[in-house]
PDB file of N, CA and C in Angstrom:
ATOM      1  N   UNK A   1       0.819  -1.193   0.000  1.00  0.00           N
ATOM      2  CA  UNK A   1       0.000   0.000   0.000  1.00  0.00           C
ATOM      3  C   UNK A   1       0.868   1.265   0.000  1.00  0.00           C
ATOM      4  N   UNK A   2       1.953   1.217   0.779  1.00  0.00           N
ATOM      5  CA  UNK A   2       2.845   2.374   0.842  1.00  0.00           C
ATOM      6  C   UNK A   2       3.526   2.596  -0.512  1.00  0.00           C
ATOM      7  N   UNK A   3       3.809   1.484  -1.209  1.00  0.00           N
ATOM      8  CA  UNK A   3       4.444   1.593  -2.524  1.00  0.00           C
ATOM      9  C   UNK A   3       3.532   2.315  -3.513  1.00  0.00           C
ATOM     10  N   UNK A   4       2.256   2.016  -3.440  1.00  0.00           N
ATOM     11  CA  UNK A   4       1.297   2.644  -4.338  1.00  0.00           C
ATOM     12  C   UNK A   4       1.214   4.139  -4.061  1.00  0.00           C
ATOM     13  N   UNK A   5       1.200   4.488  -2.775  1.00  0.00           N
ATOM     14  CA  UNK A   5       1.121   5.911  -2.420  1.00  0.00           C
ATOM     15  C   UNK A   5       2.391   6.645  -2.834  1.00  0.00           C
ATOM     16  N   UNK A   6       3.543   5.995  -2.692  1.00  0.00           N
ATOM     17  CA  UNK A   6       4.806   6.611  -3.119  1.00  0.00           C
ATOM     18  C   UNK A   6       4.814   6.801  -4.637  1.00  0.00           C
ATOM     19  N   UNK A   7       4.358   5.781  -5.353  1.00  0.00           N
ATOM     20  CA  UNK A   7       4.307   5.872  -6.810  1.00  0.00           C
ATOM     21  C   UNK A   7       3.342   6.967  -7.237  1.00  0.00           C
ATOM     22  N   UNK A   8       2.204   7.051  -6.548  1.00  0.00           N
ATOM     23  CA  UNK A   8       1.218   8.099  -6.860  1.00  0.00           C
ATOM     24  C   UNK A   8       1.823   9.479  -6.628  1.00  0.00           C
ATOM     25  N   UNK A   9       2.547   9.623  -5.529  1.00  0.00           N
ATOM     26  CA  UNK A   9       3.166  10.909  -5.203  1.00  0.00           C
ATOM     27  C   UNK A   9       4.210  11.279  -6.253  1.00  0.00           C
ATOM     28  N   UNK A  10       5.047  10.315  -6.651  1.00  0.00           N
ATOM     29  CA  UNK A  10       6.059  10.565  -7.673  1.00  0.00           C
ATOM     30  C   UNK A  10       5.420  10.933  -9.009  1.00  0.00           C
ATOM     31  N   UNK A  11       4.338  10.231  -9.338  1.00  0.00           N
ATOM     32  CA  UNK A  11       3.635  10.504 -10.590  1.00  0.00           C
ATOM     33  C   UNK A  11       3.034  11.906 -10.582  1.00  0.00           C
ATOM     34  N   UNK A  12       2.440  12.300  -9.473  1.00  0.00           N
ATOM     35  CA  UNK A  12       1.870  13.645  -9.360  1.00  0.00           C
ATOM     36  C   UNK A  12       2.949  14.709  -9.493  1.00  0.00           C
ATOM     37  N   UNK A  13       4.128  14.467  -8.881  1.00  0.00           N
ATOM     38  CA  UNK A  13       5.230  15.427  -8.983  1.00  0.00           C
ATOM     39  C   UNK A  13       5.737  15.519 -10.426  1.00  0.00           C
ATOM     40  N   UNK A  14       5.836  14.372 -11.089  1.00  0.00           N
ATOM     41  CA  UNK A  14       6.291  14.363 -12.474  1.00  0.00           C
ATOM     42  C   UNK A  14       5.292  15.110 -13.364  1.00  0.00           C
ATOM     43  N   UNK A  15       4.016  14.891 -13.151  1.00  0.00           N
ATOM     44  CA  UNK A  15       2.978  15.592 -13.928  1.00  0.00           C
ATOM     45  C   UNK A  15       3.052  17.093 -13.670  1.00  0.00           C
ATOM     46  N   UNK A  16       3.269  17.462 -12.414  1.00  0.00           N
ATOM     47  CA  UNK A  16       3.365  18.883 -12.057  1.00  0.00           C
ATOM     48  C   UNK A  16       4.559  19.541 -12.764  1.00  0.00           C
ATOM     49  N   UNK A  17       5.705  18.832 -12.798  1.00  0.00           N
ATOM     50  CA  UNK A  17       6.885  19.375 -13.469  1.00  0.00           C
ATOM     51  C   UNK A  17       6.646  19.511 -14.969  1.00  0.00           C
ATOM     52  N   UNK A  18       6.046  18.503 -15.575  1.00  0.00           N
ATOM     53  CA  UNK A  18       5.767  18.547 -17.013  1.00  0.00           C
ATOM     54  C   UNK A  18       4.766  19.661 -17.347  1.00  0.00           C
ATOM     55  N   UNK A  19       3.782  19.813 -16.483  1.00  0.00           N
ATOM     56  CA  UNK A  19       2.790  20.875 -16.700  1.00  0.00           C
ATOM     57  C   UNK A  19       3.464  22.244 -16.664  1.00  0.00           C
ATOM     58  N   UNK A  20       4.375  22.436 -15.697  1.00  0.00           N
ATOM     59  CA  UNK A  20       5.089  23.709 -15.601  1.00  0.00           C
ATOM     60  C   UNK A  20       5.967  23.917 -16.835  1.00  0.00           C
ATOM     61  N   UNK A  21       6.647  22.855 -17.278  1.00  0.00           N
ATOM     62  CA  UNK A  21       7.497  22.967 -18.461  1.00  0.00           C
ATOM     63  C   UNK A  21       6.661  23.321 -19.692  1.00  0.00           C
ATOM     64  N   UNK A  22       5.495  22.697 -19.835  1.00  0.00           N
ATOM     65  CA  UNK A  22       4.622  23.007 -20.966  1.00  0.00           C
ATOM     66  C   UNK A  22       4.107  24.440 -20.892  1.00  0.00           C
ATOM     67  N   UNK A  23       3.737  24.882 -19.718  1.00  0.00           N
ATOM     68  CA  UNK A  23       3.265  26.265 -19.554  1.00  0.00           C
ATOM     69  C   UNK A  23       4.372  27.263 -19.886  1.00  0.00           C
ATOM     70  N   UNK A  24       5.595  26.951 -19.448  1.00  0.00           N
ATOM     71  CA  UNK A  24       6.726  27.837 -19.758  1.00  0.00           C
ATOM     72  C   UNK A  24       6.983  27.881 -21.262  1.00  0.00           C
ATOM     73  N   UNK A  25       6.936  26.714 -21.905  1.00  0.00           N
ATOM     74  CA  UNK A  25       7.148  26.663 -23.350  1.00  0.00           C
ATOM     75  C   UNK A  25       6.041  27.422 -24.083  1.00  0.00           C
ATOM     76  N   UNK A  26       4.810  27.277 -23.605  1.00  0.00           N
ATOM     77  CA  UNK A  26       3.676  27.996 -24.202  1.00  0.00           C
ATOM     78  C   UNK A  26       3.864  29.504 -24.064  1.00  0.00           C
ATOM     79  N   UNK A  27       4.225  29.944 -22.869  1.00  0.00           N
ATOM     80  CA  UNK A  27       4.430  31.380 -22.642  1.00  0.00           C
ATOM     81  C   UNK A  27       5.557  31.914 -23.518  1.00  0.00           C
ATOM     82  N   UNK A  28       6.619  31.137 -23.664  1.00  0.00           N
ATOM     83  CA  UNK A  28       7.736  31.531 -24.518  1.00  0.00           C
ATOM     84  C   UNK A  28       7.279  31.652 -25.969  1.00  0.00           C
ATOM     85  N   UNK A  29       6.506  30.687 -26.430  1.00  0.00           N
ATOM     86  CA  UNK A  29       6.025  30.706 -27.819  1.00  0.00           C
ATOM     87  C   UNK A  29       5.096  31.903 -28.055  1.00  0.00           C
ATOM     88  N   UNK A  30       4.214  32.183 -27.108  1.00  0.00           N
ATOM     89  CA  UNK A  30       3.312  33.329 -27.236  1.00  0.00           C
ATOM     90  C   UNK A  30       4.123  34.622 -27.305  1.00  0.00           C
ATOM     91  N   UNK A  31       5.146  34.730 -26.480  1.00  0.00           N
ATOM     92  CA  UNK A  31       6.003  35.918 -26.505  1.00  0.00           C
ATOM     93  C   UNK A  31       6.701  36.091 -27.840  1.00  0.00           C
ATOM     94  N   UNK A  32       7.227  34.990 -28.380  1.00  0.00           N
ATOM     95  CA  UNK A  32       7.905  35.077 -29.673  1.00  0.00           C
ATOM     96  C   UNK A  32       6.923  35.407 -30.797  1.00  0.00           C
ATOM     97  N   UNK A  33       5.718  34.838 -30.724  1.00  0.00           N
ATOM     98  CA  UNK A  33       4.716  35.142 -31.752  1.00  0.00           C
ATOM     99  C   UNK A  33       4.291  36.601 -31.698  1.00  0.00           C
ATOM    100  N   UNK A  34       4.145  37.149 -30.508  1.00  0.00           N
ATOM    101  CA  UNK A  34       3.786  38.571 -30.378  1.00  0.00           C
ATOM    102  C   UNK A  34       4.890  39.456 -30.949  1.00  0.00           C
ATOM    103  N   UNK A  35       6.136  39.076 -30.691  1.00  0.00           N
ATOM    104  CA  UNK A  35       7.270  39.850 -31.209  1.00  0.00           C
ATOM    105  C   UNK A  35       7.280  39.796 -32.741  1.00  0.00           C
ATOM    106  N   UNK A  36       7.020  38.611 -33.292  1.00  0.00           N
ATOM    107  CA  UNK A  36       6.995  38.455 -34.755  1.00  0.00           C
ATOM    108  C   UNK A  36       5.822  39.222 -35.355  1.00  0.00           C
ATOM    109  N   UNK A  37       4.678  39.204 -34.665  1.00  0.00           N
ATOM    110  CA  UNK A  37       3.513  39.955 -35.139  1.00  0.00           C
ATOM    111  C   UNK A  37       3.829  41.442 -35.197  1.00  0.00           C
ATOM    112  N   UNK A  38       4.493  41.944 -34.179  1.00  0.00           N
ATOM    113  CA  UNK A  38       4.849  43.360 -34.150  1.00  0.00           C
ATOM    114  C   UNK A  38       5.820  43.697 -35.278  1.00  0.00           C
ATOM    115  N   UNK A  39       6.803  42.821 -35.513  1.00  0.00           N
ATOM    116  CA  UNK A  39       7.774  43.050 -36.581  1.00  0.00           C
ATOM    117  C   UNK A  39       7.089  43.061 -37.948  1.00  0.00           C
ATOM    118  N   UNK A  40       6.207  42.088 -38.172  1.00  0.00           N
ATOM    119  CA  UNK A  40       5.504  42.025 -39.451  1.00  0.00           C
ATOM    120  C   UNK A  40       4.562  43.210 -39.638  1.00  0.00           C
ATOM    121  N   UNK A  41       3.937  43.634 -38.556  1.00  0.00           N
ATOM    122  CA  UNK A  41       3.045  44.788 -38.635  1.00  0.00           C
ATOM    123  C   UNK A  41       3.827  46.046 -39.015  1.00  0.00           C
ATOM    124  N   UNK A  42       4.989  46.226 -38.404  1.00  0.00           N
ATOM    125  CA  UNK A  42       5.822  47.383 -38.741  1.00  0.00           C
ATOM    126  C   UNK A  42       6.291  47.315 -40.190  1.00  0.00           C
ATOM    127  N   UNK A  43       6.677  46.124 -40.626  1.00  0.00           N
ATOM    128  CA  UNK A  43       7.125  45.949 -42.007  1.00  0.00           C
ATOM    129  C   UNK A  43       5.982  46.245 -42.985  1.00  0.00           C
ATOM    130  N   UNK A  44       4.793  45.788 -42.662  1.00  0.00           N
ATOM    131  CA  UNK A  44       3.627  46.038 -43.508  1.00  0.00           C
ATOM    132  C   UNK A  44       3.321  47.533 -43.581  1.00  0.00           C
ATOM    133  N   UNK A  45       3.413  48.221 -42.460  1.00  0.00           N
ATOM    134  CA  UNK A  45       3.166  49.662 -42.445  1.00  0.00           C
ATOM    135  C   UNK A  45       4.169  50.397 -43.330  1.00  0.00           C
ATOM    136  N   UNK A  46       5.420  49.950 -43.314  1.00  0.00           N
ATOM    137  CA  UNK A  46       6.431  50.567 -44.181  1.00  0.00           C
ATOM    138  C   UNK A  46       6.082  50.351 -45.647  1.00  0.00           C
ATOM    139  N   UNK A  47       5.632  49.140 -45.986  1.00  0.00           N
ATOM    140  CA  UNK A  47       5.245  48.844 -47.369  1.00  0.00           C
ATOM    141  C   UNK A  47       4.048  49.691 -47.802  1.00  0.00           C
ATOM    142  N   UNK A  48       3.086  49.849 -46.925  1.00  0.00           N
ATOM    143  CA  UNK A  48       1.914  50.677 -47.233  1.00  0.00           C
ATOM    144  C   UNK A  48       2.342  52.118 -47.469  1.00  0.00           C
ATOM    145  N   UNK A  49       3.243  52.593 -46.651  1.00  0.00           N
ATOM    146  CA  UNK A  49       3.722  53.973 -46.797  1.00  0.00           C
ATOM    147  C   UNK A  49       4.474  54.146 -48.116  1.00  0.00           C
ATOM    148  N   UNK A  50       5.267  53.139 -48.500  1.00  0.00           N
ATOM    149  CA  UNK A  50       5.969  53.201 -49.785  1.00  0.00           C
ATOM    150  C   UNK A  50       4.978  53.205 -50.946  1.00  0.00           C
ATOM    151  N   UNK A  51       3.932  52.405 -50.845  1.00  0.00           N
ATOM    152  CA  UNK A  51       2.919  52.363 -51.900  1.00  0.00           C
ATOM    153  C   UNK A  51       2.213  53.713 -52.013  1.00  0.00           C
ATOM    154  N   UNK A  52       1.892  54.312 -50.894  1.00  0.00           N
ATOM    155  CA  UNK A  52       1.239  55.629 -50.923  1.00  0.00           C
ATOM    156  C   UNK A  52       2.141  56.671 -51.566  1.00  0.00           C
ATOM    157  N   UNK A  53       3.409  56.633 -51.221  1.00  0.00           N
ATOM    158  CA  UNK A  53       4.361  57.572 -51.793  1.00  0.00           C
ATOM    159  C   UNK A  53       4.453  57.374 -53.309  1.00  0.00           C
ATOM    160  N   UNK A  54       4.503  56.113 -53.752  1.00  0.00           N
ATOM    161  CA  UNK A  54       4.573  55.826 -55.178  1.00  0.00           C
ATOM    162  C   UNK A  54       3.340  56.334 -55.905  1.00  0.00           C
ATOM    163  N   UNK A  55       2.162  56.105 -55.301  1.00  0.00           N
ATOM    164  CA  UNK A  55       0.907  56.538 -55.936  1.00  0.00           C
ATOM    165  C   UNK A  55       0.863  58.057 -56.044  1.00  0.00           C
ATOM    166  N   UNK A  56       1.349  58.749 -55.018  1.00  0.00           N
ATOM    167  CA  UNK A  56       1.347  60.209 -55.067  1.00  0.00           C
ATOM    168  C   UNK A  56       2.306  60.740 -56.131  1.00  0.00           C
ATOM    169  N   UNK A  57       3.436  60.068 -56.307  1.00  0.00           N
ATOM    170  CA  UNK A  57       4.422  60.519 -57.296  1.00  0.00           C
ATOM    171  C   UNK A  57       4.049  60.101 -58.714  1.00  0.00           C
ATOM    172  N   UNK A  58       3.346  58.988 -58.865  1.00  0.00           N
ATOM    173  CA  UNK A  58       3.021  58.443 -60.183  1.00  0.00           C
ATOM    174  C   UNK A  58       1.536  58.099 -60.285  1.00  0.00           C
ATOM    175  N   UNK A  59       0.666  59.099 -60.277  1.00  0.00           N
ATOM    176  CA  UNK A  59      -0.763  58.781 -60.279  1.00  0.00           C
ATOM    177  C   UNK A  59      -1.231  58.094 -61.565  1.00  0.00           C
ATOM    178  N   UNK A  60      -0.654  58.459 -62.705  1.00  0.00           N
ATOM    179  CA  UNK A  60      -1.090  57.848 -63.965  1.00  0.00           C
ATOM    180  C   UNK A  60      -0.719  56.371 -64.014  1.00  0.00           C
ATOM    181  N   UNK A  61       0.500  56.053 -63.658  1.00  0.00           N
ATOM    182  CA  UNK A  61       0.943  54.657 -63.648  1.00  0.00           C
ATOM    183  C   UNK A  61       0.128  53.843 -62.636  1.00  0.00           C
ATOM    184  N   UNK A  62      -0.149  54.449 -61.494  1.00  0.00           N
ATOM    185  CA  UNK A  62      -0.933  53.763 -60.471  1.00  0.00           C
ATOM    186  C   UNK A  62      -2.334  53.465 -60.969  1.00  0.00           C
ATOM    187  N   UNK A  63      -2.923  54.422 -61.654  1.00  0.00           N
ATOM    188  CA  UNK A  63      -4.259  54.226 -62.220  1.00  0.00           C
ATOM    189  C   UNK A  63      -4.237  53.123 -63.274  1.00  0.00           C
ATOM    190  N   UNK A  64      -3.205  53.107 -64.110  1.00  0.00           N
ATOM    191  CA  UNK A  64      -3.070  52.061 -65.121  1.00  0.00           C
ATOM    192  C   UNK A  64      -2.919  50.675 -64.495  1.00  0.00           C
ATOM    193  N   UNK A  65      -2.114  50.588 -63.449  1.00  0.00           N
ATOM    194  CA  UNK A  65      -1.922  49.305 -62.756  1.00  0.00           C
ATOM    195  C   UNK A  65      -3.233  48.842 -62.136  1.00  0.00           C
ATOM    196  N   UNK A  66      -3.958  49.757 -61.502  1.00  0.00           N
ATOM    197  CA  UNK A  66      -5.236  49.412 -60.882  1.00  0.00           C
ATOM    198  C   UNK A  66      -6.240  48.967 -61.931  1.00  0.00           C
ATOM    199  N   UNK A  67      -6.270  49.655 -63.048  1.00  0.00           N
ATOM    200  CA  UNK A  67      -7.191  49.305 -64.128  1.00  0.00           C
ATOM    201  C   UNK A  67      -6.875  47.924 -64.690  1.00  0.00           C
ATOM    202  N   UNK A  68      -5.608  47.668 -64.969  1.00  0.00           N
ATOM    203  CA  UNK A  68      -5.204  46.363 -65.507  1.00  0.00           C
ATOM    204  C   UNK A  68      -5.486  45.242 -64.505  1.00  0.00           C
ATOM    205  N   UNK A  69      -5.202  45.499 -63.249  1.00  0.00           N
ATOM    206  CA  UNK A  69      -5.465  44.488 -62.219  1.00  0.00           C
ATOM    207  C   UNK A  69      -6.948  44.190 -62.108  1.00  0.00           C
ATOM    208  N   UNK A  70      -7.762  45.223 -62.124  1.00  0.00           N
ATOM    209  CA  UNK A  70      -9.215  45.037 -62.058  1.00  0.00           C
ATOM    210  C   UNK A  70      -9.740  44.267 -63.251  1.00  0.00           C
ATOM    211  N   UNK A  71      -9.178  44.546 -64.416  1.00  0.00           N
ATOM    212  CA  UNK A  71      -9.586  43.843 -65.634  1.00  0.00           C
ATOM    213  C   UNK A  71      -9.231  42.355 -65.546  1.00  0.00           C
ATOM    214  N   UNK A  72      -8.031  42.058 -65.110  1.00  0.00           N
ATOM    215  CA  UNK A  72      -7.593  40.662 -64.983  1.00  0.00           C
ATOM    216  C   UNK A  72      -8.450  39.921 -63.959  1.00  0.00           C
ATOM    217  N   UNK A  73      -8.684  40.528 -62.822  1.00  0.00           N
ATOM    218  CA  UNK A  73      -9.506  39.885 -61.779  1.00  0.00           C
ATOM    219  C   UNK A  73     -10.935  39.709 -62.277  1.00  0.00           C
ATOM    220  N   UNK A  74     -11.472  40.711 -62.940  1.00  0.00           N
ATOM    221  CA  UNK A  74     -12.829  40.615 -63.487  1.00  0.00           C
ATOM    222  C   UNK A  74     -12.961  39.494 -64.498  1.00  0.00           C
ATOM    223  N   UNK A  75     -11.991  39.380 -65.398  1.00  0.00           N
ATOM    224  CA  UNK A  75     -12.020  38.299 -66.386  1.00  0.00           C
ATOM    225  C   UNK A  75     -11.912  36.930 -65.721  1.00  0.00           C
ATOM    226  N   UNK A  76     -11.042  36.831 -64.754  1.00  0.00           N
ATOM    227  CA  UNK A  76     -10.879  35.553 -64.050  1.00  0.00           C
ATOM    228  C   UNK A  76     -12.162  35.166 -63.322  1.00  0.00           C
ATOM    229  N   UNK A  77     -12.790  36.120 -62.674  1.00  0.00           N
ATOM    230  CA  UNK A  77     -14.040  35.829 -61.955  1.00  0.00           C
ATOM    231  C   UNK A  77     -15.162  35.471 -62.916  1.00  0.00           C
ATOM    232  N   UNK A  78     -15.225  36.162 -64.041  1.00  0.00           N
ATOM    233  CA  UNK A  78     -16.291  35.851 -64.995  1.00  0.00           C
ATOM    234  C   UNK A  78     -16.120  34.446 -65.565  1.00  0.00           C
ATOM    235  N   UNK A  79     -14.903  34.040 -65.859  1.00  0.00           N
ATOM    236  CA  UNK A  79     -14.661  32.685 -66.357  1.00  0.00           C
ATOM    237  C   UNK A  79     -14.950  31.648 -65.258  1.00  0.00           C
ATOM    238  N   UNK A  80     -14.637  31.986 -64.025  1.00  0.00           N
ATOM    239  CA  UNK A  80     -14.882  31.077 -62.924  1.00  0.00           C
ATOM    240  C   UNK A  80     -16.367  30.841 -62.696  1.00  0.00           C
ATOM    241  N   UNK A  81     -17.165  31.888 -62.783  1.00  0.00           N
ATOM    242  CA  UNK A  81     -18.589  31.771 -62.513  1.00  0.00           C
ATOM    243  C   UNK A  81     -19.412  31.369 -63.729  1.00  0.00           C
ATOM    244  N   UNK A  82     -18.793  31.323 -64.897  1.00  0.00           N
ATOM    245  CA  UNK A  82     -19.494  30.916 -66.106  1.00  0.00           C
ATOM    246  C   UNK A  82     -19.687  29.402 -66.171  1.00  0.00           C
ATOM    247  N   UNK A  83     -18.902  28.673 -65.466  1.00  0.00           N
ATOM    248  CA  UNK A  83     -18.923  27.203 -65.522  1.00  0.00           C
ATOM    249  C   UNK A  83     -20.229  26.663 -65.114  1.00  0.00           C
TER     250      UNK A  83
END
């Protein structure tokens, strides 16, 4: 009977240690993901700012690109929904 209680106690301690290790790993992963999210968000904001600057400097080219893109997407959608 004492052996069973000792084994139960050891098992509970092992589970407690593993649970703490998993929680620590989870917290570490969440921290790294938040850091990566912030980095990507900053990078995206820089790209948006560059696009705005380009559009302001080259409105005709930007309009042409938008028109061509809209035409391509429209044609693709029409062929997709025609089936």
